Amino acid sequence: MKTRDLHDWNVNYSDAVRLQEKMRKKILLRDGRRLQDIRSVAGADISYARGSDLFYAAVVVLSFPEMDVLSHAWHCSHVRFPYIPGLLSFREGPPLLAAFAKLAVPPDVVFFDGQGTAHPRGLGLASHLGLFLGLPSIGCAKTRLVGTHAPVGEKTGDASPLAIEGRVVGAALRTKERVKPVFVSPGHRISLETAVALSLACGRGYRIPEPVRQAHLLVNRIRIEKTYAPS
């Protein structure tokens, strides 16, 4: 699939922040595709050994609503951008986009293991790469980066708005009964309501929606196989 070339990734901290401030104005928080028209969903994830700059990226495409694996792609490359909270996309973006470029057919929606609009500057990994891909995208993170929320009910599907100074940017969502919630936020070309509904519809009894879970399993398996393969 084709990806857009919106800016150079070889930037410093100040340039990265300026790019986020500029690009967040391009984010669309309305549905680019109706839920009933979605036929495929993808999950994307990164894996690397502690202290290593060699990043593995994987994308897994599943049918919706069946959640059968249709295709996958992966890529590995060295990453130079340092770990800086709030600038994750400048670290993980290039290898992930390279993996997406290897897909034969683009998915209808993409889940990222990261934030969408629930970000200090409103441009988390899911929002940033959603712009590059031109696809509806969702951030589904295991930890909260910004905002506050009221207690979340214990039943599957219970949710509480995640807000920054009264502005709702996402939701704390219980995807499995009596298991810690995940933090869902729209990335690009999708509403929060649809992002939450799709996260629940992609659940298969685990805390993490199935597209992200499958990408996580694949990318870790590839990294381990490549790391310990006989030379």
C-alpha atoms as a PDB file:
ATOM      1  CA  MET A   1       0.000   0.000   0.000  1.00  0.00           C
ATOM      2  CA  LYS A   2       1.057   3.587  -0.545  1.00  0.00           C
ATOM      3  CA  THR A   3       1.919   5.930   2.312  1.00  0.00           C
ATOM      4  CA  ARG A   4       2.128   9.694   2.208  1.00  0.00           C
ATOM      5  CA  ASP A   5       5.367  11.638   2.544  1.00  0.00           C
ATOM      6  CA  LEU A   6       4.267  14.529   4.757  1.00  0.00           C
ATOM      7  CA  HIS A   7       7.575  15.522   6.357  1.00  0.00           C
ATOM      8  CA  ASP A   8      11.155  14.492   7.012  1.00  0.00           C
ATOM      9  CA  TRP A   9      11.682  12.215  10.028  1.00  0.00           C
ATOM     10  CA  ASN A  10      15.264  13.359  10.588  1.00  0.00           C
ATOM     11  CA  VAL A  11      14.435  16.166  13.018  1.00  0.00           C
ATOM     12  CA  ASN A  12      15.493  17.432  16.434  1.00  0.00           C
ATOM     13  CA  TYR A  13      13.292  17.949  19.489  1.00  0.00           C
ATOM     14  CA  SER A  14      12.197  21.486  18.636  1.00  0.00           C
ATOM     15  CA  ASP A  15      11.391  20.579  15.036  1.00  0.00           C
ATOM     16  CA  ALA A  16       9.376  17.560  16.186  1.00  0.00           C
ATOM     17  CA  VAL A  17       7.259  19.637  18.560  1.00  0.00           C
ATOM     18  CA  ARG A  18       6.610  22.237  15.859  1.00  0.00           C
ATOM     19  CA  LEU A  19       5.555  19.496  13.445  1.00  0.00           C
ATOM     20  CA  GLN A  20       3.111  18.108  15.983  1.00  0.00           C
ATOM     21  CA  GLU A  21       1.585  21.525  16.558  1.00  0.00           C
ATOM     22  CA  LYS A  22       1.216  22.009  12.803  1.00  0.00           C
ATOM     23  CA  MET A  23      -0.077  18.545  11.918  1.00  0.00           C
ATOM     24  CA  ARG A  24      -2.681  18.271  14.653  1.00  0.00           C
ATOM     25  CA  LYS A  25      -4.704  20.887  12.754  1.00  0.00           C
ATOM     26  CA  LYS A  26      -5.137  18.347   9.938  1.00  0.00           C
ATOM     27  CA  ILE A  27      -6.708  15.663  12.125  1.00  0.00           C
ATOM     28  CA  LEU A  28     -10.335  14.831  11.323  1.00  0.00           C
ATOM     29  CA  LEU A  29     -12.413  13.534  14.229  1.00  0.00           C
ATOM     30  CA  ARG A  30     -15.379  12.347  12.221  1.00  0.00           C
ATOM     31  CA  ASP A  31     -16.029   8.934  10.745  1.00  0.00           C
ATOM     32  CA  GLY A  32     -14.405   8.340   7.381  1.00  0.00           C
ATOM     33  CA  ARG A  33     -16.150   4.970   7.139  1.00  0.00           C
ATOM     34  CA  ARG A  34     -19.363   3.684   8.682  1.00  0.00           C
ATOM     35  CA  LEU A  35     -18.997   0.847  11.162  1.00  0.00           C
ATOM     36  CA  GLN A  36     -21.236  -1.423   9.078  1.00  0.00           C
ATOM     37  CA  ASP A  37     -19.019  -0.858   6.026  1.00  0.00           C
ATOM     38  CA  ILE A  38     -15.785  -1.994   7.685  1.00  0.00           C
ATOM     39  CA  ARG A  39     -14.503  -5.289   6.293  1.00  0.00           C
ATOM     40  CA  SER A  40     -10.919  -5.338   7.553  1.00  0.00           C
ATOM     41  CA  VAL A  41      -8.998  -3.981  10.527  1.00  0.00           C
ATOM     42  CA  ALA A  42      -5.270  -3.877  11.168  1.00  0.00           C
ATOM     43  CA  GLY A  43      -3.125  -3.785  14.259  1.00  0.00           C
ATOM     44  CA  ALA A  44       0.395  -2.346  14.373  1.00  0.00           C
ATOM     45  CA  ASP A  45       3.094  -2.776  17.001  1.00  0.00           C
ATOM     46  CA  ILE A  46       6.816  -2.363  17.647  1.00  0.00           C
ATOM     47  CA  SER A  47       9.302  -4.602  19.463  1.00  0.00           C
ATOM     48  CA  TYR A  48      12.947  -4.094  20.388  1.00  0.00           C
ATOM     49  CA  ALA A  49      15.407  -5.381  22.950  1.00  0.00           C
ATOM     50  CA  ARG A  50      16.153  -3.134  25.912  1.00  0.00           C
ATOM     51  CA  GLY A  51      18.960  -0.750  24.983  1.00  0.00           C
ATOM     52  CA  SER A  52      18.886  -1.693  21.293  1.00  0.00           C
ATOM     53  CA  ASP A  53      18.242   0.720  18.434  1.00  0.00           C
ATOM     54  CA  LEU A  54      17.115  -2.088  16.104  1.00  0.00           C
ATOM     55  CA  PHE A  55      13.331  -1.856  15.937  1.00  0.00           C
ATOM     56  CA  TYR A  56      10.979  -4.490  14.546  1.00  0.00           C
ATOM     57  CA  ALA A  57       7.595  -3.320  13.266  1.00  0.00           C
ATOM     58  CA  ALA A  58       4.658  -5.524  12.299  1.00  0.00           C
ATOM     59  CA  VAL A  59       1.192  -5.006  10.853  1.00  0.00           C
ATOM     60  CA  VAL A  60      -1.484  -7.702  10.899  1.00  0.00           C
ATOM     61  CA  VAL A  61      -4.693  -7.346   8.870  1.00  0.00           C
ATOM     62  CA  LEU A  62      -7.793  -9.201  10.057  1.00  0.00           C
ATOM     63  CA  SER A  63     -11.269  -9.621   8.611  1.00  0.00           C
ATOM     64  CA  PHE A  64     -14.072  -7.816  10.414  1.00  0.00           C
ATOM     65  CA  PRO A  65     -16.051  -8.899  12.300  1.00  0.00           C
ATOM     66  CA  GLU A  66     -14.670 -12.465  12.053  1.00  0.00           C
ATOM     67  CA  MET A  67     -11.121 -11.560  13.168  1.00  0.00           C
ATOM     68  CA  ASP A  68      -9.464 -14.031  10.794  1.00  0.00           C
ATOM     69  CA  VAL A  69      -5.910 -13.114   9.780  1.00  0.00           C
ATOM     70  CA  LEU A  70      -5.854 -11.980   6.135  1.00  0.00           C
ATOM     71  CA  SER A  71      -2.291 -10.761   5.726  1.00  0.00           C
ATOM     72  CA  HIS A  72       0.691  -9.359   7.546  1.00  0.00           C
ATOM     73  CA  ALA A  73       3.937  -7.504   6.935  1.00  0.00           C
ATOM     74  CA  TRP A  74       6.982  -6.585   8.971  1.00  0.00           C
ATOM     75  CA  HIS A  75      10.117  -4.482   8.780  1.00  0.00           C
ATOM     76  CA  CYS A  76      13.214  -3.914  10.889  1.00  0.00           C
ATOM     77  CA  SER A  77      15.513  -0.912  10.919  1.00  0.00           C
ATOM     78  CA  HIS A  78      17.795   1.082  13.178  1.00  0.00           C
ATOM     79  CA  VAL A  79      16.195   4.029  14.963  1.00  0.00           C
ATOM     80  CA  ARG A  80      18.168   7.139  15.886  1.00  0.00           C
ATOM     81  CA  PHE A  81      15.525   9.350  17.487  1.00  0.00           C
ATOM     82  CA  PRO A  82      15.816   9.141  21.309  1.00  0.00           C
ATOM     83  CA  TYR A  83      13.052   8.116  23.671  1.00  0.00           C
ATOM     84  CA  ILE A  84      11.210  11.314  24.642  1.00  0.00           C
ATOM     85  CA  PRO A  85       7.724  11.163  26.209  1.00  0.00           C
ATOM     86  CA  GLY A  86       5.189  12.700  23.830  1.00  0.00           C
ATOM     87  CA  LEU A  87       7.376  12.158  20.757  1.00  0.00           C
ATOM     88  CA  LEU A  88       6.937   8.406  20.338  1.00  0.00           C
ATOM     89  CA  SER A  89       5.829   8.680  16.718  1.00  0.00           C
ATOM     90  CA  PHE A  90       9.214  10.093  15.667  1.00  0.00           C
ATOM     91  CA  ARG A  91      10.821   6.959  17.077  1.00  0.00           C
ATOM     92  CA  GLU A  92       8.347   4.301  15.956  1.00  0.00           C
ATOM     93  CA  GLY A  93       6.805   5.972  12.903  1.00  0.00           C
ATOM     94  CA  PRO A  94       9.429   5.223  10.218  1.00  0.00           C
ATOM     95  CA  PRO A  95       9.685   1.435  10.801  1.00  0.00           C
ATOM     96  CA  LEU A  96       5.899   1.131  11.117  1.00  0.00           C
ATOM     97  CA  LEU A  97       5.323   3.004   7.852  1.00  0.00           C
ATOM     98  CA  ALA A  98       7.884   0.762   6.147  1.00  0.00           C
ATOM     99  CA  ALA A  99       5.909  -2.279   7.320  1.00  0.00           C
ATOM    100  CA  PHE A 100       2.633  -0.795   6.054  1.00  0.00           C
ATOM    101  CA  ALA A 101       4.252  -0.138   2.668  1.00  0.00           C
ATOM    102  CA  LYS A 102       4.744  -3.899   2.289  1.00  0.00           C
ATOM    103  CA  LEU A 103       1.012  -4.665   2.544  1.00  0.00           C
ATOM    104  CA  ALA A 104      -0.622  -5.578  -0.760  1.00  0.00           C
ATOM    105  CA  VAL A 105      -4.010  -4.099   0.195  1.00  0.00           C
ATOM    106  CA  PRO A 106      -4.714  -1.344   2.762  1.00  0.00           C
ATOM    107  CA  PRO A 107      -7.053  -2.144   5.676  1.00  0.00           C
ATOM    108  CA  ASP A 108     -10.210  -0.165   6.363  1.00  0.00           C
ATOM    109  CA  VAL A 109      -9.141   0.866   9.892  1.00  0.00           C
ATOM    110  CA  VAL A 110      -5.870   0.666  11.841  1.00  0.00           C
ATOM    111  CA  PHE A 111      -5.323   0.160  15.577  1.00  0.00           C
ATOM    112  CA  PHE A 112      -2.069   1.370  17.126  1.00  0.00           C
ATOM    113  CA  ASP A 113      -0.560   0.433  20.469  1.00  0.00           C
ATOM    114  CA  GLY A 114      -0.337   4.068  21.517  1.00  0.00           C
ATOM    115  CA  GLN A 115      -2.270   7.298  21.799  1.00  0.00           C
ATOM    116  CA  GLY A 116      -4.379   9.197  19.301  1.00  0.00           C
ATOM    117  CA  THR A 117      -5.713  12.570  20.417  1.00  0.00           C
ATOM    118  CA  ALA A 118      -5.101  11.726  24.102  1.00  0.00           C
ATOM    119  CA  HIS A 119      -1.706  13.366  23.826  1.00  0.00           C
ATOM    120  CA  PRO A 120      -0.131  16.578  25.206  1.00  0.00           C
ATOM    121  CA  ARG A 121      -0.245  18.192  21.759  1.00  0.00           C
ATOM    122  CA  GLY A 122      -3.158  16.183  20.370  1.00  0.00           C
ATOM    123  CA  LEU A 123      -1.005  14.158  17.974  1.00  0.00           C
ATOM    124  CA  GLY A 124      -0.106  10.752  19.334  1.00  0.00           C
ATOM    125  CA  LEU A 125       1.198   7.838  17.282  1.00  0.00           C
ATOM    126  CA  ALA A 126      -2.252   6.857  15.956  1.00  0.00           C
ATOM    127  CA  SER A 127      -3.067  10.411  14.858  1.00  0.00           C
ATOM    128  CA  HIS A 128       0.352  11.064  13.343  1.00  0.00           C
ATOM    129  CA  LEU A 129       0.503   7.850  11.329  1.00  0.00           C
ATOM    130  CA  GLY A 130      -3.181   8.064  10.482  1.00  0.00           C
ATOM    131  CA  LEU A 131      -2.302  11.200   8.507  1.00  0.00           C
ATOM    132  CA  PHE A 132       0.570   9.434   6.723  1.00  0.00           C
ATOM    133  CA  LEU A 133      -1.643   6.452   5.870  1.00  0.00           C
ATOM    134  CA  GLY A 134      -4.755   8.450   5.052  1.00  0.00           C
ATOM    135  CA  LEU A 135      -6.783   5.832   6.934  1.00  0.00           C
ATOM    136  CA  PRO A 136      -9.148   5.846   9.909  1.00  0.00           C
ATOM    137  CA  SER A 137      -6.957   5.123  12.917  1.00  0.00           C
ATOM    138  CA  ILE A 138      -7.419   4.379  16.610  1.00  0.00           C
ATOM    139  CA  GLY A 139      -5.054   4.664  19.539  1.00  0.00           C
ATOM    140  CA  CYS A 140      -5.438   1.911  22.127  1.00  0.00           C
ATOM    141  CA  ALA A 141      -2.922   2.306  24.945  1.00  0.00           C
ATOM    142  CA  LYS A 142      -2.391   0.276  28.101  1.00  0.00           C
ATOM    143  CA  THR A 143      -1.384   3.343  30.108  1.00  0.00           C
ATOM    144  CA  ARG A 144      -2.732   6.884  30.361  1.00  0.00           C
ATOM    145  CA  LEU A 145      -0.508   9.663  29.036  1.00  0.00           C
ATOM    146  CA  VAL A 146      -2.670  12.718  29.764  1.00  0.00           C
ATOM    147  CA  GLY A 147      -6.066  13.642  31.148  1.00  0.00           C
ATOM    148  CA  THR A 148      -8.255  12.472  33.980  1.00  0.00           C
ATOM    149  CA  HIS A 149     -11.328  10.265  34.176  1.00  0.00           C
ATOM    150  CA  ALA A 150     -13.909   9.124  36.690  1.00  0.00           C
ATOM    151  CA  PRO A 151     -13.800   5.532  37.986  1.00  0.00           C
ATOM    152  CA  VAL A 152     -14.697   2.961  35.325  1.00  0.00           C
ATOM    153  CA  GLY A 153     -17.351   0.318  36.001  1.00  0.00           C
ATOM    154  CA  GLU A 154     -16.215  -3.281  36.338  1.00  0.00           C
ATOM    155  CA  LYS A 155     -18.250  -4.748  33.470  1.00  0.00           C
ATOM    156  CA  THR A 156     -17.026  -5.222  29.905  1.00  0.00           C
ATOM    157  CA  GLY A 157     -18.024  -2.164  27.885  1.00  0.00           C
ATOM    158  CA  ASP A 158     -18.045   0.242  30.823  1.00  0.00           C
ATOM    159  CA  ALA A 159     -16.251   3.468  29.952  1.00  0.00           C
ATOM    160  CA  SER A 160     -15.416   6.865  31.375  1.00  0.00           C
ATOM    161  CA  PRO A 161     -14.534   9.966  29.329  1.00  0.00           C
ATOM    162  CA  LEU A 162     -10.876  10.943  29.410  1.00  0.00           C
ATOM    163  CA  ALA A 163     -10.622  14.718  29.534  1.00  0.00           C
ATOM    164  CA  ILE A 164      -8.019  17.486  29.573  1.00  0.00           C
ATOM    165  CA  GLU A 165      -9.312  20.661  31.255  1.00  0.00           C
ATOM    166  CA  GLY A 166     -12.883  19.634  30.489  1.00  0.00           C
ATOM    167  CA  ARG A 167     -12.200  18.706  26.850  1.00  0.00           C
ATOM    168  CA  VAL A 168     -12.835  15.021  26.084  1.00  0.00           C
ATOM    169  CA  VAL A 169      -9.926  13.453  24.187  1.00  0.00           C
ATOM    170  CA  GLY A 170     -10.577   9.749  24.691  1.00  0.00           C
ATOM    171  CA  ALA A 171     -12.062   7.149  26.988  1.00  0.00           C
ATOM    172  CA  ALA A 172     -10.949   4.740  29.675  1.00  0.00           C
ATOM    173  CA  LEU A 173     -12.600   1.542  28.454  1.00  0.00           C
ATOM    174  CA  ARG A 174     -13.132  -1.747  30.263  1.00  0.00           C
ATOM    175  CA  THR A 175     -12.587  -4.378  27.578  1.00  0.00           C
ATOM    176  CA  LYS A 176     -12.663  -7.323  29.980  1.00  0.00           C
ATOM    177  CA  GLU A 177     -14.499  -7.694  33.268  1.00  0.00           C
ATOM    178  CA  ARG A 178     -12.397  -6.896  36.360  1.00  0.00           C
ATOM    179  CA  VAL A 179      -9.308  -6.232  34.218  1.00  0.00           C
ATOM    180  CA  LYS A 180      -7.609  -2.832  34.007  1.00  0.00           C
ATOM    181  CA  PRO A 181      -9.137  -0.549  31.377  1.00  0.00           C
ATOM    182  CA  VAL A 182      -7.368   0.507  28.203  1.00  0.00           C
ATOM    183  CA  PHE A 183      -7.215   4.090  26.975  1.00  0.00           C
ATOM    184  CA  VAL A 184      -8.889   4.547  23.613  1.00  0.00           C
ATOM    185  CA  SER A 185      -8.676   7.748  21.598  1.00  0.00           C
ATOM    186  CA  PRO A 186      -9.453   8.580  17.983  1.00  0.00           C
ATOM    187  CA  GLY A 187      -6.439   8.923  15.736  1.00  0.00           C
ATOM    188  CA  HIS A 188      -7.659  10.323  12.431  1.00  0.00           C
ATOM    189  CA  ARG A 189     -10.851  10.112  10.339  1.00  0.00           C
ATOM    190  CA  ILE A 190     -12.850   8.496  13.139  1.00  0.00           C
ATOM    191  CA  SER A 191     -15.021   9.651  16.036  1.00  0.00           C
ATOM    192  CA  LEU A 192     -14.453   8.700  19.647  1.00  0.00           C
ATOM    193  CA  GLU A 193     -17.799   6.872  19.714  1.00  0.00           C
ATOM    194  CA  THR A 194     -16.832   4.690  16.759  1.00  0.00           C
ATOM    195  CA  ALA A 195     -13.323   4.140  18.116  1.00  0.00           C
ATOM    196  CA  VAL A 196     -14.788   2.807  21.372  1.00  0.00           C
ATOM    197  CA  ALA A 197     -17.418   0.700  19.606  1.00  0.00           C
ATOM    198  CA  LEU A 198     -14.852  -0.826  17.258  1.00  0.00           C
ATOM    199  CA  SER A 199     -12.423  -1.532  20.114  1.00  0.00           C
ATOM    200  CA  LEU A 200     -15.147  -3.535  21.832  1.00  0.00           C
ATOM    201  CA  ALA A 201     -16.234  -5.254  18.609  1.00  0.00           C
ATOM    202  CA  CYS A 202     -12.628  -6.397  18.056  1.00  0.00           C
ATOM    203  CA  GLY A 203     -12.366  -7.945  21.512  1.00  0.00           C
ATOM    204  CA  ARG A 204     -11.849 -11.679  21.801  1.00  0.00           C
ATOM    205  CA  GLY A 205     -11.775 -12.125  25.549  1.00  0.00           C
ATOM    206  CA  TYR A 206      -8.492 -10.304  26.093  1.00  0.00           C
ATOM    207  CA  ARG A 207      -7.722  -6.863  27.477  1.00  0.00           C
ATOM    208  CA  ILE A 208      -6.244  -5.695  24.176  1.00  0.00           C
ATOM    209  CA  PRO A 209      -8.335  -5.626  20.965  1.00  0.00           C
ATOM    210  CA  GLU A 210      -7.454  -8.543  18.706  1.00  0.00           C
ATOM    211  CA  PRO A 211      -5.729  -6.559  15.908  1.00  0.00           C
ATOM    212  CA  VAL A 212      -3.177  -5.085  18.320  1.00  0.00           C
ATOM    213  CA  ARG A 213      -2.801  -8.387  20.173  1.00  0.00           C
ATOM    214  CA  GLN A 214      -2.031 -10.240  16.952  1.00  0.00           C
ATOM    215  CA  ALA A 215       0.494  -7.588  15.884  1.00  0.00           C
ATOM    216  CA  HIS A 216       2.126  -7.784  19.316  1.00  0.00           C
ATOM    217  CA  LEU A 217       2.436 -11.579  19.115  1.00  0.00           C
ATOM    218  CA  LEU A 218       3.829 -11.475  15.585  1.00  0.00           C
ATOM    219  CA  VAL A 219       6.398  -8.745  16.088  1.00  0.00           C
ATOM    220  CA  ASN A 220       7.786 -10.307  19.246  1.00  0.00           C
ATOM    221  CA  ARG A 221       8.005 -13.703  17.586  1.00  0.00           C
ATOM    222  CA  ILE A 222       9.883 -12.232  14.629  1.00  0.00           C
ATOM    223  CA  ARG A 223      12.300 -10.319  16.861  1.00  0.00           C
ATOM    224  CA  ILE A 224      13.118 -13.405  18.914  1.00  0.00           C
ATOM    225  CA  GLU A 225      13.518 -15.598  15.833  1.00  0.00           C
ATOM    226  CA  LYS A 226      15.827 -13.096  14.152  1.00  0.00           C
ATOM    227  CA  THR A 227      17.819 -12.422  17.313  1.00  0.00           C
ATOM    228  CA  TYR A 228      18.541 -16.061  18.059  1.00  0.00           C
ATOM    229  CA  ALA A 229      18.684 -17.456  14.536  1.00  0.00           C
ATOM    230  CA  PRO A 230      21.920 -19.321  13.750  1.00  0.00           C
ATOM    231  CA  SER A 231      24.409 -17.127  11.906  1.00  0.00           C
END
